Structure formats: structure tokens, C-alpha cells
Amino acid sequence: MGLGLTAAGACCVVGGSTGWGLLVARQIRRRPAELGRLAAALEALRTEVEYGRTPLPAALRRSAAGDRGPAGALFCAAAAQLEAGGGASASEAWEAGLGAAQDRSAWSASDVEGLRRLGHALGASDAQDQVRHLRLAVSRLRAAEGEASAVAERQARMWSYLGVLAGVAVVLAVLP
């Protein structure tokens, strides 16, 4: 009976650490995909501003259509803040949207800082200047997406292996 419990405990330790490693790997793999969806939403916003001359709340809602991730949360929360009628500026609404989306996202601090800078330009100038800022933000996000994809593949694989190996190491250290 002692050997069976030891084997079961070892399996639980290895299984738990493997699950932890896979969870970290999944989080690392999320960032490039989220950056791609965010860039696509910003492209849609740019189109609404540049060609549709759509008011910002409606443009944000249309740009977020179909995105249930952090990008959609950002755009919908910002639109809701603008539509609430509290007199919030576009920058304040964007900041509120960032607050709503940041905890749900795999965005890095530099991603969020770039989005924060973009928020200061939204609604603060003419359409052409906003389009210029949106294009710049999209190009930065696309570059970050490419870098994140390259890093994610290496790091995700490493964390997956590390989870398994850490569990095996703990089991070997505990066994007599």
C-alpha cells in the first residue's frame, strides 16, 4: 500500500507541475494572437475615422464587433464611457477601457504604454492626425506581434519542458 501511495503522489506532483508549465506556456502563446487582434481592431477604427467619419463611440463599437477578447473589452469599455454622458474625454474613456482590458490580456507593459500614448491622441485633434497616430500604433503592434511570435515559440516550449522536469526533480528529491 505504501508503494501505491508513493506512486500516486509522484504522479500528482509531476502532473501538477506539468499543468503549471503548460499554463505558463499558454499565457506566453496568447500575447502574439492578442496583439494581432488588437492591431486588426485598430485598423478597423482607423477606417471608421478616415473614411466613415464615424463618431468615436460608434467607431469604437463597430471596431470591436465580434472580438470577445481584451481588444473588444478595451473598445467597448471606452465606447461605454463616452456614451455614459459624464463628460469624459476620449483620452479618459480610452484609459478606462485600458483598465477594463489590461487584466484580461497578455499584453506587456510596453504594449499598454503604447496604447496609452495612442489614447492621448484620440479625439484630441483632426481626423488626419488621429489616422496618423492609429497607423503608427498598428505598425508598432505588428512589429511587437512578430517579435512576440518568435519569442513565444521558444519560451512556451521551454516552460512546457520545465514544468515536467521540475515535477520529476521534486519527486526524485523526495524519494528515499
Protein backbone atom coordinates (compact mmCIF):
# COMPACT_ATOMS: atom_id res chain seq x y z
CA MET A 1 0.00 0.00 0.00
CA GLY A 2 2.89 2.41 0.72
CA LEU A 3 4.33 1.98 -2.77
CA GLY A 4 0.95 2.68 -4.38
CA LEU A 5 0.51 5.88 -2.41
CA THR A 6 4.05 6.96 -3.23
CA ALA A 7 3.46 6.35 -6.94
CA ALA A 8 0.13 8.21 -6.79
CA GLY A 9 1.78 11.13 -5.00
CA ALA A 10 4.61 11.20 -7.54
CA CYS A 11 2.08 11.23 -10.38
CA CYS A 12 0.20 14.10 -8.72
CA VAL A 13 3.39 16.15 -8.29
CA VAL A 14 4.55 15.56 -11.86
CA GLY A 15 1.04 16.14 -13.21
CA GLY A 16 0.62 19.36 -11.23
CA SER A 17 3.95 20.80 -12.27
CA THR A 18 3.32 19.79 -15.88
CA GLY A 19 -0.04 21.55 -15.77
CA TRP A 20 1.61 24.64 -14.33
CA GLY A 21 4.23 24.65 -17.10
CA LEU A 22 1.55 24.24 -19.78
CA LEU A 23 -0.47 27.08 -18.25
CA VAL A 24 2.52 29.43 -18.39
CA ALA A 25 3.22 28.32 -21.97
CA ARG A 26 -0.39 29.03 -22.95
CA GLN A 27 -0.18 32.53 -21.49
CA ILE A 28 3.01 33.20 -23.45
CA ARG A 29 1.38 32.00 -26.68
CA ARG A 30 -1.65 34.26 -26.12
CA ARG A 31 0.24 37.54 -26.49
CA PRO A 32 1.01 37.38 -30.25
CA ALA A 33 -2.58 36.41 -31.06
CA GLU A 34 -3.99 39.17 -28.88
CA LEU A 35 -1.65 41.73 -30.43
CA GLY A 36 -2.81 40.66 -33.89
CA ARG A 37 -6.47 41.04 -32.95
CA LEU A 38 -5.75 44.41 -31.35
CA ALA A 39 -3.95 45.62 -34.48
CA ALA A 40 -6.89 44.47 -36.61
CA ALA A 41 -9.33 46.34 -34.36
CA LEU A 42 -7.19 49.48 -34.58
CA GLU A 43 -7.14 49.13 -38.38
CA ALA A 44 -10.93 48.95 -38.34
CA LEU A 45 -11.02 52.04 -36.10
CA ARG A 46 -8.69 53.85 -38.49
CA THR A 47 -11.01 53.01 -41.38
CA GLU A 48 -14.04 54.29 -39.44
CA VAL A 49 -12.25 57.55 -38.61
CA GLU A 50 -10.64 58.06 -42.01
CA TYR A 51 -13.37 57.04 -44.43
CA GLY A 52 -16.57 56.79 -42.43
CA ARG A 53 -16.06 59.92 -40.33
CA THR A 54 -17.98 57.95 -37.72
CA PRO A 55 -18.34 59.50 -34.24
CA LEU A 56 -15.81 57.94 -31.88
CA PRO A 57 -18.21 55.93 -29.65
CA ALA A 58 -19.85 54.30 -32.67
CA ALA A 59 -16.48 53.78 -34.36
CA LEU A 60 -15.15 52.04 -31.24
CA ARG A 61 -18.19 49.76 -31.05
CA ARG A 62 -18.00 48.84 -34.74
CA SER A 63 -14.27 48.17 -34.47
CA ALA A 64 -14.81 45.86 -31.50
CA ALA A 65 -17.58 43.89 -33.19
CA GLY A 66 -17.01 40.18 -32.82
CA ASP A 67 -13.92 40.44 -30.60
CA ARG A 68 -14.61 38.91 -27.19
CA GLY A 69 -11.01 39.27 -26.07
CA PRO A 70 -9.13 42.15 -24.49
CA ALA A 71 -9.26 44.31 -27.64
CA GLY A 72 -13.04 44.08 -27.69
CA ALA A 73 -13.19 44.82 -23.97
CA LEU A 74 -10.97 47.89 -24.44
CA PHE A 75 -13.04 49.31 -27.27
CA CYS A 76 -16.44 48.53 -25.72
CA ALA A 77 -15.49 49.97 -22.32
CA ALA A 78 -14.14 53.14 -23.95
CA ALA A 79 -17.30 53.50 -26.04
CA ALA A 80 -19.50 52.95 -22.98
CA GLN A 81 -17.56 55.61 -21.07
CA LEU A 82 -18.06 58.10 -23.91
CA GLU A 83 -21.75 57.25 -24.24
CA ALA A 84 -22.39 57.49 -20.50
CA GLY A 85 -22.72 61.25 -20.77
CA GLY A 86 -20.44 62.05 -17.87
CA GLY A 87 -18.37 64.42 -19.95
CA ALA A 88 -15.37 62.11 -20.18
CA SER A 89 -12.82 62.99 -22.82
CA ALA A 90 -11.76 60.43 -25.40
CA SER A 91 -8.45 60.08 -23.57
CA GLU A 92 -10.19 59.39 -20.25
CA ALA A 93 -12.54 56.91 -21.90
CA TRP A 94 -9.61 55.13 -23.56
CA GLU A 95 -7.81 54.96 -20.20
CA ALA A 96 -10.93 53.43 -18.62
CA GLY A 97 -11.05 50.91 -21.46
CA LEU A 98 -7.40 50.03 -20.89
CA GLY A 99 -8.18 49.44 -17.23
CA ALA A 100 -11.01 47.10 -18.17
CA ALA A 101 -8.93 45.12 -20.67
CA GLN A 102 -5.44 45.04 -19.19
CA ASP A 103 -6.14 42.43 -16.51
CA ARG A 104 -7.70 40.09 -19.09
CA SER A 105 -4.85 40.41 -21.54
CA ALA A 106 -1.39 39.00 -22.10
CA TRP A 107 -0.13 42.45 -23.17
CA SER A 108 3.26 43.56 -21.92
CA ALA A 109 3.86 46.85 -20.11
CA SER A 110 5.29 48.34 -23.32
CA ASP A 111 2.16 47.30 -25.24
CA VAL A 112 -0.03 49.06 -22.69
CA GLU A 113 2.20 52.14 -22.70
CA GLY A 114 1.91 52.40 -26.49
CA LEU A 115 -1.87 52.11 -26.21
CA ARG A 116 -1.88 54.76 -23.50
CA ARG A 117 0.03 57.14 -25.81
CA LEU A 118 -2.48 56.46 -28.56
CA GLY A 119 -5.31 57.33 -26.19
CA HIS A 120 -3.92 60.83 -25.71
CA ALA A 121 -4.27 61.44 -29.47
CA LEU A 122 -7.79 60.09 -29.88
CA GLY A 123 -10.40 62.80 -30.11
CA ALA A 124 -7.81 65.50 -29.41
CA SER A 125 -7.09 66.51 -33.00
CA ASP A 126 -8.45 66.36 -36.52
CA ALA A 127 -9.20 63.08 -38.30
CA GLN A 128 -5.95 63.08 -40.31
CA ASP A 129 -3.81 63.37 -37.18
CA GLN A 130 -5.79 60.60 -35.48
CA VAL A 131 -5.36 58.40 -38.56
CA ARG A 132 -1.61 59.03 -38.44
CA HIS A 133 -1.48 58.01 -34.77
CA LEU A 134 -3.58 54.92 -35.46
CA ARG A 135 -1.31 53.86 -38.33
CA LEU A 136 1.73 54.30 -36.11
CA ALA A 137 0.12 52.27 -33.32
CA VAL A 138 -0.80 49.48 -35.76
CA SER A 139 2.73 49.33 -37.18
CA ARG A 140 4.17 49.14 -33.66
CA LEU A 141 1.72 46.41 -32.71
CA ARG A 142 2.52 44.40 -35.85
CA ALA A 143 6.24 44.65 -35.06
CA ALA A 144 5.60 43.60 -31.45
CA GLU A 145 3.43 40.73 -32.70
CA GLY A 146 6.28 39.44 -34.88
CA GLU A 147 8.77 39.65 -32.03
CA ALA A 148 6.32 38.05 -29.62
CA SER A 149 5.67 35.16 -32.00
CA ALA A 150 9.37 34.37 -32.27
CA VAL A 151 9.90 34.60 -28.52
CA ALA A 152 6.68 32.79 -27.65
CA GLU A 153 7.54 29.64 -29.53
CA ARG A 154 10.90 29.27 -27.79
CA GLN A 155 9.69 30.25 -24.33
CA ALA A 156 6.47 28.25 -24.48
CA ARG A 157 8.36 25.09 -25.33
CA MET A 158 10.86 25.81 -22.55
CA TRP A 159 8.10 26.31 -19.93
CA SER A 160 6.35 23.13 -21.03
CA TYR A 161 9.53 21.12 -20.52
CA LEU A 162 10.39 22.98 -17.35
CA GLY A 163 7.06 22.02 -15.79
CA VAL A 164 7.66 18.32 -16.43
CA LEU A 165 11.28 18.43 -15.32
CA ALA A 166 10.51 20.39 -12.15
CA GLY A 167 7.97 17.76 -11.15
CA VAL A 168 10.38 14.94 -11.81
CA ALA A 169 13.10 16.75 -9.85
CA VAL A 170 10.82 17.20 -6.84
CA VAL A 171 9.81 13.54 -6.92
CA LEU A 172 13.44 12.41 -7.14
CA ALA A 173 14.45 14.75 -4.30
CA VAL A 174 11.69 13.47 -2.02
CA LEU A 175 12.02 9.76 -2.72
CA PRO A 176 14.33 7.90 -0.36
